[in-house]
Structures are given as structure tokens and as C-alpha cells.
Amino acid sequence: MKKAILMMIWNKITDFIFPKLCFNCQKRILKGDLLCTECEDSLTFLTEICDHCGSYKDPKNCPTCQNSDFVFDKARSMYRFDHLIQTMIHEYKYNEITKFAHFFSLKAQQYFLEFQPFPKIDIIAPVPLHRVKKRARGFNQAELLTREIAKRMDFEHIPDLIKRKKFTKTQTKLSKKQRMENVASAFQVNSRYQVKGKSILIVDDVFTTGSTANSICRVVKEEKADSVFVFTIARA
């Protein structure tokens, strides 16, 4: 009890000397450890979206679905890929600020409980990094996120469910056609696991054209999974 009281006093002293500042606007944070209340309130979940791919561009006559051959059963994203979300994901992805995993997983829990976007999830798994990229970066941001979401939602987490067979260049500056060609035949289901008859949730940071997620979902479907869903932090 005495140790807990001393720790509480110490935390208050350090917060006074080194106050927590909002990642976005640099104002002092009174609650939480990433965004101030105003900046956090500016993040609103996507609601008016295509029922299949989750696009917000034209929900009733979705051009994305019309121009794509999506094999996943449903895709959902929490936010638009605006400047704040883009900056947060960049810091999370390249600077290993793991408190973003905590923040985004908490938001994901809220999203799942509020919207119940998927009827059933048996396994949650991240989009994998090639071992060369993972060694260079030191971690897989999608894996950190799936681990946190799995804990909050009580999903079975299999971080190596999907294996990347070949090294692919970054998708960032590629056209839609180039993205599809870049990830074609890049993935396989890990033979250690059985997905037949199960509902699988694949998680990544950003849904842009859906090429990567769709390539993964195709191989999962080929292994006779019952349903394959996609969930991302943001939608470009």
C-alpha cells in the first residue's frame, strides 16, 4: 500500500515537471497519453460506407467494388486517411511508438462493440511483413495491433497464420494495376494451421486499393475458410 502511494505521488510529480503533450496539437493532456480531448474527438468513425468494401466515396453505387474483383466477404475501416491519421500511422509504423497500438486497439474495441461489423470471428491475423522488412523495421505494426485487439475482444490470435512467400516493393507509389501485380502470389496460409470452415479476420493499417488484403483473402478462401473479413485503421 505504501509503495503504491509513493508511486502515485511520484507520477504526479513527473507529470507536473514533464507534462504529457498532445501528439497532434502539443497541448497539455489531462487524460490519456496520446491525444488531447479535442483532437481525439475530431476522430470520427466512418459510417456512410459501402456495405461490402467499406468505401465512403459512393456507398450506394460503389465504384471501388465495380472496378475490383474482391473475394473477401466484407471490409471495414475505422477512419478516413486524413492528415492526423496518416501522421499517427506513420509514427506507429516507422518509429515503433507502441502506445499507438494501445490507442488504436481501444478504438477498434469501441468500433466492434458499437457497429458489430462482422458476424463471427474465429481467428484474427495480421498482414505479414517479409522477414527482410521485419528484420529491418524490428516489428510488424499490424501484428502489434492484432495482438491488442485479440486481447480486448477475446479472439484467437495467430500472428503467423499468413506467410509472405516473396519480397515485394512498397505499394505506396504504385498504380492499382501495379499493386495487384506486385502482391500476386505473394502469400500463403501457414500449413501448421487449419482454416477450413472458420471465419478469419485479416488486419492491416490502411486500405488503399485493397490489393494486398484481397491477395491474402484469396489464398485463405482457397483453403476453404468459411468467411474472410478485412479490418484496417484507415481507408484512403
C-alpha atoms as a PDB file:
ATOM      1  CA  MET A   1       0.000   0.000   0.000  1.00  0.00           C
ATOM      2  CA  LYS A   2       2.813   2.392   0.956  1.00  0.00           C
ATOM      3  CA  LYS A   3       4.663   1.597  -2.272  1.00  0.00           C
ATOM      4  CA  ALA A   4       1.529   2.283  -4.336  1.00  0.00           C
ATOM      5  CA  ILE A   5       1.005   5.647  -2.624  1.00  0.00           C
ATOM      6  CA  LEU A   6       4.638   6.643  -3.230  1.00  0.00           C
ATOM      7  CA  MET A   7       4.323   5.635  -6.884  1.00  0.00           C
ATOM      8  CA  MET A   8       1.177   7.740  -7.263  1.00  0.00           C
ATOM      9  CA  ILE A   9       2.927  10.758  -5.723  1.00  0.00           C
ATOM     10  CA  TRP A  10       5.949  10.216  -7.974  1.00  0.00           C
ATOM     11  CA  ASN A  11       3.743  10.026 -11.084  1.00  0.00           C
ATOM     12  CA  LYS A  12       2.045  13.294 -10.158  1.00  0.00           C
ATOM     13  CA  ILE A  13       5.414  14.979  -9.661  1.00  0.00           C
ATOM     14  CA  THR A  14       6.770  13.755 -13.006  1.00  0.00           C
ATOM     15  CA  ASP A  15       3.543  14.767 -14.766  1.00  0.00           C
ATOM     16  CA  PHE A  16       3.950  18.256 -13.322  1.00  0.00           C
ATOM     17  CA  ILE A  17       7.611  18.567 -14.319  1.00  0.00           C
ATOM     18  CA  PHE A  18       7.260  16.740 -17.638  1.00  0.00           C
ATOM     19  CA  PRO A  19       3.612  17.173 -18.664  1.00  0.00           C
ATOM     20  CA  LYS A  20       2.152  14.897 -21.340  1.00  0.00           C
ATOM     21  CA  LEU A  21       1.577  16.779 -24.562  1.00  0.00           C
ATOM     22  CA  CYS A  22      -0.913  16.017 -27.307  1.00  0.00           C
ATOM     23  CA  PHE A  23       0.723  14.245 -30.228  1.00  0.00           C
ATOM     24  CA  ASN A  24      -1.200  16.457 -32.657  1.00  0.00           C
ATOM     25  CA  CYS A  25      -1.531  19.978 -31.213  1.00  0.00           C
ATOM     26  CA  GLN A  26       1.033  19.852 -28.377  1.00  0.00           C
ATOM     27  CA  LYS A  27      -1.450  20.992 -25.761  1.00  0.00           C
ATOM     28  CA  ARG A  28      -1.107  19.518 -22.307  1.00  0.00           C
ATOM     29  CA  ILE A  29      -3.034  16.267 -21.877  1.00  0.00           C
ATOM     30  CA  LEU A  30      -5.081  15.904 -18.721  1.00  0.00           C
ATOM     31  CA  LYS A  31      -6.487  12.470 -19.609  1.00  0.00           C
ATOM     32  CA  GLY A  32      -4.848   9.691 -21.626  1.00  0.00           C
ATOM     33  CA  ASP A  33      -1.338   9.742 -23.040  1.00  0.00           C
ATOM     34  CA  LEU A  34      -1.612  10.405 -26.788  1.00  0.00           C
ATOM     35  CA  LEU A  35      -4.226  12.965 -27.850  1.00  0.00           C
ATOM     36  CA  CYS A  36      -5.998  15.791 -26.059  1.00  0.00           C
ATOM     37  CA  THR A  37      -9.769  15.527 -25.773  1.00  0.00           C
ATOM     38  CA  GLU A  38     -10.351  17.986 -28.626  1.00  0.00           C
ATOM     39  CA  CYS A  39      -8.077  16.155 -31.075  1.00  0.00           C
ATOM     40  CA  GLU A  40      -9.415  12.747 -30.077  1.00  0.00           C
ATOM     41  CA  ASP A  41     -12.984  13.973 -30.567  1.00  0.00           C
ATOM     42  CA  SER A  42     -12.034  15.037 -34.101  1.00  0.00           C
ATOM     43  CA  LEU A  43     -11.549  11.359 -34.994  1.00  0.00           C
ATOM     44  CA  THR A  44     -14.935  10.040 -36.060  1.00  0.00           C
ATOM     45  CA  PHE A  45     -15.740   6.534 -37.248  1.00  0.00           C
ATOM     46  CA  LEU A  46     -16.718   6.010 -40.866  1.00  0.00           C
ATOM     47  CA  THR A  47     -20.444   5.311 -41.073  1.00  0.00           C
ATOM     48  CA  GLU A  48     -21.830   6.124 -44.546  1.00  0.00           C
ATOM     49  CA  ILE A  49     -19.995   3.359 -46.399  1.00  0.00           C
ATOM     50  CA  CYS A  50     -20.336   0.594 -48.960  1.00  0.00           C
ATOM     51  CA  ASP A  51     -21.692  -2.495 -47.213  1.00  0.00           C
ATOM     52  CA  HIS A  52     -19.152  -4.746 -48.954  1.00  0.00           C
ATOM     53  CA  CYS A  53     -15.799  -2.966 -49.260  1.00  0.00           C
ATOM     54  CA  GLY A  54     -16.312  -0.160 -46.730  1.00  0.00           C
ATOM     55  CA  SER A  55     -15.640   2.679 -49.176  1.00  0.00           C
ATOM     56  CA  TYR A  56     -17.071   6.076 -48.240  1.00  0.00           C
ATOM     57  CA  LYS A  57     -16.850   7.527 -51.771  1.00  0.00           C
ATOM     58  CA  ASP A  58     -20.252   6.394 -53.094  1.00  0.00           C
ATOM     59  CA  PRO A  59     -21.856   3.885 -50.691  1.00  0.00           C
ATOM     60  CA  LYS A  60     -24.936   3.136 -52.799  1.00  0.00           C
ATOM     61  CA  ASN A  61     -23.176   2.794 -56.153  1.00  0.00           C
ATOM     62  CA  CYS A  62     -19.668   1.855 -55.120  1.00  0.00           C
ATOM     63  CA  PRO A  63     -17.124   2.482 -57.905  1.00  0.00           C
ATOM     64  CA  THR A  64     -14.453   0.595 -55.961  1.00  0.00           C
ATOM     65  CA  CYS A  65     -16.434  -2.641 -55.976  1.00  0.00           C
ATOM     66  CA  GLN A  66     -17.425  -2.128 -59.614  1.00  0.00           C
ATOM     67  CA  ASN A  67     -13.779  -1.861 -60.662  1.00  0.00           C
ATOM     68  CA  SER A  68     -12.381  -4.583 -58.410  1.00  0.00           C
ATOM     69  CA  ASP A  69     -12.645  -8.332 -58.011  1.00  0.00           C
ATOM     70  CA  PHE A  70     -12.835  -8.526 -54.244  1.00  0.00           C
ATOM     71  CA  VAL A  71     -13.006 -12.023 -52.758  1.00  0.00           C
ATOM     72  CA  PHE A  72     -13.302 -11.007 -49.098  1.00  0.00           C
ATOM     73  CA  ASP A  73     -16.751 -11.150 -47.544  1.00  0.00           C
ATOM     74  CA  LYS A  74     -16.582  -7.695 -46.010  1.00  0.00           C
ATOM     75  CA  ALA A  75     -14.036  -4.956 -45.314  1.00  0.00           C
ATOM     76  CA  ARG A  76     -14.244  -2.218 -42.723  1.00  0.00           C
ATOM     77  CA  SER A  77     -12.022   0.729 -41.756  1.00  0.00           C
ATOM     78  CA  MET A  78     -12.398   2.984 -38.746  1.00  0.00           C
ATOM     79  CA  TYR A  79     -11.256   6.332 -40.145  1.00  0.00           C
ATOM     80  CA  ARG A  80     -10.555   8.300 -43.274  1.00  0.00           C
ATOM     81  CA  PHE A  81      -6.858   8.526 -44.093  1.00  0.00           C
ATOM     82  CA  ASP A  82      -6.672  12.232 -43.248  1.00  0.00           C
ATOM     83  CA  HIS A  83      -3.587  14.170 -42.161  1.00  0.00           C
ATOM     84  CA  LEU A  84      -3.812  13.319 -38.449  1.00  0.00           C
ATOM     85  CA  ILE A  85      -4.419   9.598 -39.005  1.00  0.00           C
ATOM     86  CA  GLN A  86      -1.709   9.495 -41.669  1.00  0.00           C
ATOM     87  CA  THR A  87       0.806  11.074 -39.279  1.00  0.00           C
ATOM     88  CA  MET A  88      -0.179   8.767 -36.429  1.00  0.00           C
ATOM     89  CA  ILE A  89       0.129   5.646 -38.592  1.00  0.00           C
ATOM     90  CA  HIS A  90       3.488   6.823 -39.954  1.00  0.00           C
ATOM     91  CA  GLU A  91       4.888   7.292 -36.452  1.00  0.00           C
ATOM     92  CA  TYR A  92       3.451   3.955 -35.364  1.00  0.00           C
ATOM     93  CA  LYS A  93       4.732   2.138 -38.444  1.00  0.00           C
ATOM     94  CA  TYR A  94       8.247   3.511 -38.703  1.00  0.00           C
ATOM     95  CA  ASN A  95       9.191   4.778 -35.244  1.00  0.00           C
ATOM     96  CA  GLU A  96       7.795   1.899 -33.154  1.00  0.00           C
ATOM     97  CA  ILE A  97       5.743   4.078 -30.839  1.00  0.00           C
ATOM     98  CA  THR A  98       3.819   1.159 -29.370  1.00  0.00           C
ATOM     99  CA  LYS A  99       1.377   3.350 -27.441  1.00  0.00           C
ATOM    100  CA  PHE A 100      -0.344   3.784 -30.819  1.00  0.00           C
ATOM    101  CA  ALA A 101      -1.143   0.055 -30.775  1.00  0.00           C
ATOM    102  CA  HIS A 102      -2.842   0.566 -27.413  1.00  0.00           C
ATOM    103  CA  PHE A 103      -4.747   3.601 -28.690  1.00  0.00           C
ATOM    104  CA  PHE A 104      -5.904   2.046 -31.961  1.00  0.00           C
ATOM    105  CA  SER A 105      -6.848  -1.261 -30.337  1.00  0.00           C
ATOM    106  CA  LEU A 106      -9.003   0.594 -27.803  1.00  0.00           C
ATOM    107  CA  LYS A 107     -10.708   2.419 -30.664  1.00  0.00           C
ATOM    108  CA  ALA A 108     -11.109  -0.887 -32.513  1.00  0.00           C
ATOM    109  CA  GLN A 109     -12.813  -2.372 -29.452  1.00  0.00           C
ATOM    110  CA  GLN A 110     -15.214   0.572 -29.370  1.00  0.00           C
ATOM    111  CA  TYR A 111     -15.856   0.177 -33.103  1.00  0.00           C
ATOM    112  CA  PHE A 112     -16.540  -3.554 -32.826  1.00  0.00           C
ATOM    113  CA  LEU A 113     -18.902  -3.128 -29.892  1.00  0.00           C
ATOM    114  CA  GLU A 114     -20.768  -0.218 -31.473  1.00  0.00           C
ATOM    115  CA  PHE A 115     -21.150  -1.499 -35.038  1.00  0.00           C
ATOM    116  CA  GLN A 116     -20.639  -5.291 -34.756  1.00  0.00           C
ATOM    117  CA  PRO A 117     -19.256  -5.257 -38.319  1.00  0.00           C
ATOM    118  CA  PHE A 118     -18.583  -8.996 -38.622  1.00  0.00           C
ATOM    119  CA  PRO A 119     -20.996 -11.765 -37.631  1.00  0.00           C
ATOM    120  CA  LYS A 120     -18.340 -14.118 -36.254  1.00  0.00           C
ATOM    121  CA  ILE A 121     -14.566 -14.169 -35.848  1.00  0.00           C
ATOM    122  CA  ASP A 122     -12.678 -17.384 -35.133  1.00  0.00           C
ATOM    123  CA  ILE A 123      -9.137 -16.181 -35.838  1.00  0.00           C
ATOM    124  CA  ILE A 124      -7.544 -12.759 -36.134  1.00  0.00           C
ATOM    125  CA  ALA A 125      -4.264 -12.411 -38.055  1.00  0.00           C
ATOM    126  CA  PRO A 126      -2.115  -9.545 -39.357  1.00  0.00           C
ATOM    127  CA  VAL A 127      -0.939  -8.868 -42.872  1.00  0.00           C
ATOM    128  CA  PRO A 128       2.599 -10.261 -42.667  1.00  0.00           C
ATOM    129  CA  LEU A 129       5.867  -8.494 -43.390  1.00  0.00           C
ATOM    130  CA  HIS A 130       8.560 -10.255 -45.337  1.00  0.00           C
ATOM    131  CA  ARG A 131      11.296 -11.384 -42.953  1.00  0.00           C
ATOM    132  CA  VAL A 132      13.740  -8.904 -44.555  1.00  0.00           C
ATOM    133  CA  LYS A 133      11.432  -5.948 -43.895  1.00  0.00           C
ATOM    134  CA  LYS A 134      10.553  -7.180 -40.411  1.00  0.00           C
ATOM    135  CA  ARG A 135      14.235  -7.554 -39.550  1.00  0.00           C
ATOM    136  CA  ALA A 136      14.957  -4.037 -40.820  1.00  0.00           C
ATOM    137  CA  ARG A 137      11.973  -2.456 -39.033  1.00  0.00           C
ATOM    138  CA  GLY A 138      12.211  -4.629 -35.939  1.00  0.00           C
ATOM    139  CA  PHE A 139       8.481  -5.307 -35.636  1.00  0.00           C
ATOM    140  CA  ASN A 140       5.251  -5.705 -37.592  1.00  0.00           C
ATOM    141  CA  GLN A 141       2.829  -2.903 -36.726  1.00  0.00           C
ATOM    142  CA  ALA A 142      -0.173  -4.955 -37.832  1.00  0.00           C
ATOM    143  CA  GLU A 143       0.880  -7.792 -35.521  1.00  0.00           C
ATOM    144  CA  LEU A 144       1.101  -5.461 -32.520  1.00  0.00           C
ATOM    145  CA  LEU A 145      -2.384  -4.255 -33.334  1.00  0.00           C
ATOM    146  CA  THR A 146      -3.913  -7.719 -33.779  1.00  0.00           C
ATOM    147  CA  ARG A 147      -2.406  -8.870 -30.509  1.00  0.00           C
ATOM    148  CA  GLU A 148      -4.018  -5.960 -28.668  1.00  0.00           C
ATOM    149  CA  ILE A 149      -7.384  -6.377 -30.406  1.00  0.00           C
ATOM    150  CA  ALA A 150      -7.387 -10.118 -29.718  1.00  0.00           C
ATOM    151  CA  LYS A 151      -6.930  -9.472 -26.004  1.00  0.00           C
ATOM    152  CA  ARG A 152      -9.720  -6.931 -25.881  1.00  0.00           C
ATOM    153  CA  MET A 153     -12.190  -8.920 -27.992  1.00  0.00           C
ATOM    154  CA  ASP A 154     -11.195 -12.426 -26.886  1.00  0.00           C
ATOM    155  CA  PHE A 155     -10.330 -13.550 -30.432  1.00  0.00           C
ATOM    156  CA  GLU A 156      -7.851 -16.324 -31.155  1.00  0.00           C
ATOM    157  CA  HIS A 157      -4.672 -14.615 -32.356  1.00  0.00           C
ATOM    158  CA  ILE A 158      -2.396 -16.415 -34.837  1.00  0.00           C
ATOM    159  CA  PRO A 159       0.283 -13.897 -35.870  1.00  0.00           C
ATOM    160  CA  ASP A 160       1.933 -16.238 -38.386  1.00  0.00           C
ATOM    161  CA  LEU A 161      -1.256 -17.552 -39.984  1.00  0.00           C
ATOM    162  CA  ILE A 162      -0.302 -15.906 -43.275  1.00  0.00           C
ATOM    163  CA  LYS A 163       3.190 -16.249 -44.699  1.00  0.00           C
ATOM    164  CA  ARG A 164       4.718 -13.934 -47.275  1.00  0.00           C
ATOM    165  CA  LYS A 165       6.397 -16.060 -49.924  1.00  0.00           C
ATOM    166  CA  LYS A 166       8.254 -13.321 -51.768  1.00  0.00           C
ATOM    167  CA  PHE A 167       9.740  -9.930 -51.104  1.00  0.00           C
ATOM    168  CA  THR A 168       7.585  -7.156 -52.590  1.00  0.00           C
ATOM    169  CA  LYS A 169       8.427  -3.495 -53.047  1.00  0.00           C
ATOM    170  CA  THR A 170       6.417  -0.889 -51.193  1.00  0.00           C
ATOM    171  CA  GLN A 171       2.946  -0.278 -52.578  1.00  0.00           C
ATOM    172  CA  THR A 172       2.945   3.442 -51.756  1.00  0.00           C
ATOM    173  CA  LYS A 173       3.688   4.915 -55.195  1.00  0.00           C
ATOM    174  CA  LEU A 174       2.298   2.130 -57.381  1.00  0.00           C
ATOM    175  CA  SER A 175      -0.820   2.303 -59.529  1.00  0.00           C
ATOM    176  CA  LYS A 176      -3.737  -0.016 -58.831  1.00  0.00           C
ATOM    177  CA  LYS A 177      -2.643  -2.405 -61.591  1.00  0.00           C
ATOM    178  CA  GLN A 178       0.968  -2.355 -60.348  1.00  0.00           C
ATOM    179  CA  ARG A 179      -0.210  -3.030 -56.794  1.00  0.00           C
ATOM    180  CA  MET A 180      -2.159  -6.084 -57.930  1.00  0.00           C
ATOM    181  CA  GLU A 181       0.824  -7.419 -59.888  1.00  0.00           C
ATOM    182  CA  ASN A 182       3.201  -6.665 -57.011  1.00  0.00           C
ATOM    183  CA  VAL A 183       1.334  -8.846 -54.485  1.00  0.00           C
ATOM    184  CA  ALA A 184       0.086 -11.553 -56.851  1.00  0.00           C
ATOM    185  CA  SER A 185       1.098 -14.974 -55.463  1.00  0.00           C
ATOM    186  CA  ALA A 186       2.951 -13.272 -52.610  1.00  0.00           C
ATOM    187  CA  PHE A 187       1.120 -15.048 -49.768  1.00  0.00           C
ATOM    188  CA  GLN A 188       0.187 -18.469 -48.498  1.00  0.00           C
ATOM    189  CA  VAL A 189      -1.586 -19.909 -45.483  1.00  0.00           C
ATOM    190  CA  ASN A 190       0.822 -21.397 -42.967  1.00  0.00           C
ATOM    191  CA  SER A 191       0.478 -25.172 -43.280  1.00  0.00           C
ATOM    192  CA  ARG A 192       0.662 -25.506 -39.490  1.00  0.00           C
ATOM    193  CA  TYR A 193      -2.865 -24.142 -39.173  1.00  0.00           C
ATOM    194  CA  GLN A 194      -6.321 -25.217 -40.294  1.00  0.00           C
ATOM    195  CA  VAL A 195      -8.694 -22.536 -41.583  1.00  0.00           C
ATOM    196  CA  LYS A 196     -11.308 -24.754 -43.220  1.00  0.00           C
ATOM    197  CA  GLY A 197     -14.805 -23.811 -42.080  1.00  0.00           C
ATOM    198  CA  LYS A 198     -13.559 -20.881 -39.967  1.00  0.00           C
ATOM    199  CA  SER A 199     -14.124 -17.129 -40.066  1.00  0.00           C
ATOM    200  CA  ILE A 200     -10.850 -15.249 -40.448  1.00  0.00           C
ATOM    201  CA  LEU A 201     -10.193 -11.560 -39.800  1.00  0.00           C
ATOM    202  CA  ILE A 202      -7.184 -10.039 -41.587  1.00  0.00           C
ATOM    203  CA  VAL A 203      -5.877  -6.755 -40.150  1.00  0.00           C
ATOM    204  CA  ASP A 204      -3.693  -4.053 -41.692  1.00  0.00           C
ATOM    205  CA  ASP A 205      -3.099  -0.346 -41.144  1.00  0.00           C
ATOM    206  CA  VAL A 206      -4.502   1.220 -44.345  1.00  0.00           C
ATOM    207  CA  PHE A 207      -6.898   0.027 -47.047  1.00  0.00           C
ATOM    208  CA  THR A 208      -5.949   1.813 -50.278  1.00  0.00           C
ATOM    209  CA  THR A 209      -6.888  -0.284 -53.305  1.00  0.00           C
ATOM    210  CA  GLY A 210      -7.355  -3.477 -51.305  1.00  0.00           C
ATOM    211  CA  SER A 211      -4.832  -5.368 -53.443  1.00  0.00           C
ATOM    212  CA  THR A 212      -2.795  -6.753 -50.545  1.00  0.00           C
ATOM    213  CA  ALA A 213      -5.794  -7.741 -48.432  1.00  0.00           C
ATOM    214  CA  ASN A 214      -7.552  -9.273 -51.429  1.00  0.00           C
ATOM    215  CA  SER A 215      -4.496 -11.329 -52.361  1.00  0.00           C
ATOM    216  CA  ILE A 216      -4.370 -12.725 -48.817  1.00  0.00           C
ATOM    217  CA  CYS A 217      -8.113 -13.376 -48.696  1.00  0.00           C
ATOM    218  CA  ARG A 218      -7.913 -15.282 -51.972  1.00  0.00           C
ATOM    219  CA  VAL A 219      -5.425 -17.834 -50.586  1.00  0.00           C
ATOM    220  CA  VAL A 220      -7.424 -18.135 -47.355  1.00  0.00           C
ATOM    221  CA  LYS A 221     -10.569 -18.827 -49.373  1.00  0.00           C
ATOM    222  CA  GLU A 222      -8.675 -21.444 -51.384  1.00  0.00           C
ATOM    223  CA  GLU A 223      -8.052 -23.238 -48.085  1.00  0.00           C
ATOM    224  CA  LYS A 224     -11.848 -23.481 -47.623  1.00  0.00           C
ATOM    225  CA  ALA A 225     -12.300 -20.814 -44.954  1.00  0.00           C
ATOM    226  CA  ASP A 226     -15.966 -20.134 -44.360  1.00  0.00           C
ATOM    227  CA  SER A 227     -15.599 -16.333 -44.280  1.00  0.00           C
ATOM    228  CA  VAL A 228     -12.732 -13.869 -44.649  1.00  0.00           C
ATOM    229  CA  PHE A 229     -13.012 -10.288 -43.419  1.00  0.00           C
ATOM    230  CA  VAL A 230     -10.669  -7.295 -43.574  1.00  0.00           C
ATOM    231  CA  PHE A 231     -10.219  -4.619 -40.915  1.00  0.00           C
ATOM    232  CA  THR A 232      -7.943  -1.574 -41.109  1.00  0.00           C
ATOM    233  CA  ILE A 233      -7.325   1.551 -39.110  1.00  0.00           C
ATOM    234  CA  ALA A 234      -7.875   3.841 -42.080  1.00  0.00           C
ATOM    235  CA  ARG A 235      -9.380   3.990 -45.551  1.00  0.00           C
ATOM    236  CA  ALA A 236      -7.643   6.000 -48.259  1.00  0.00           C
END
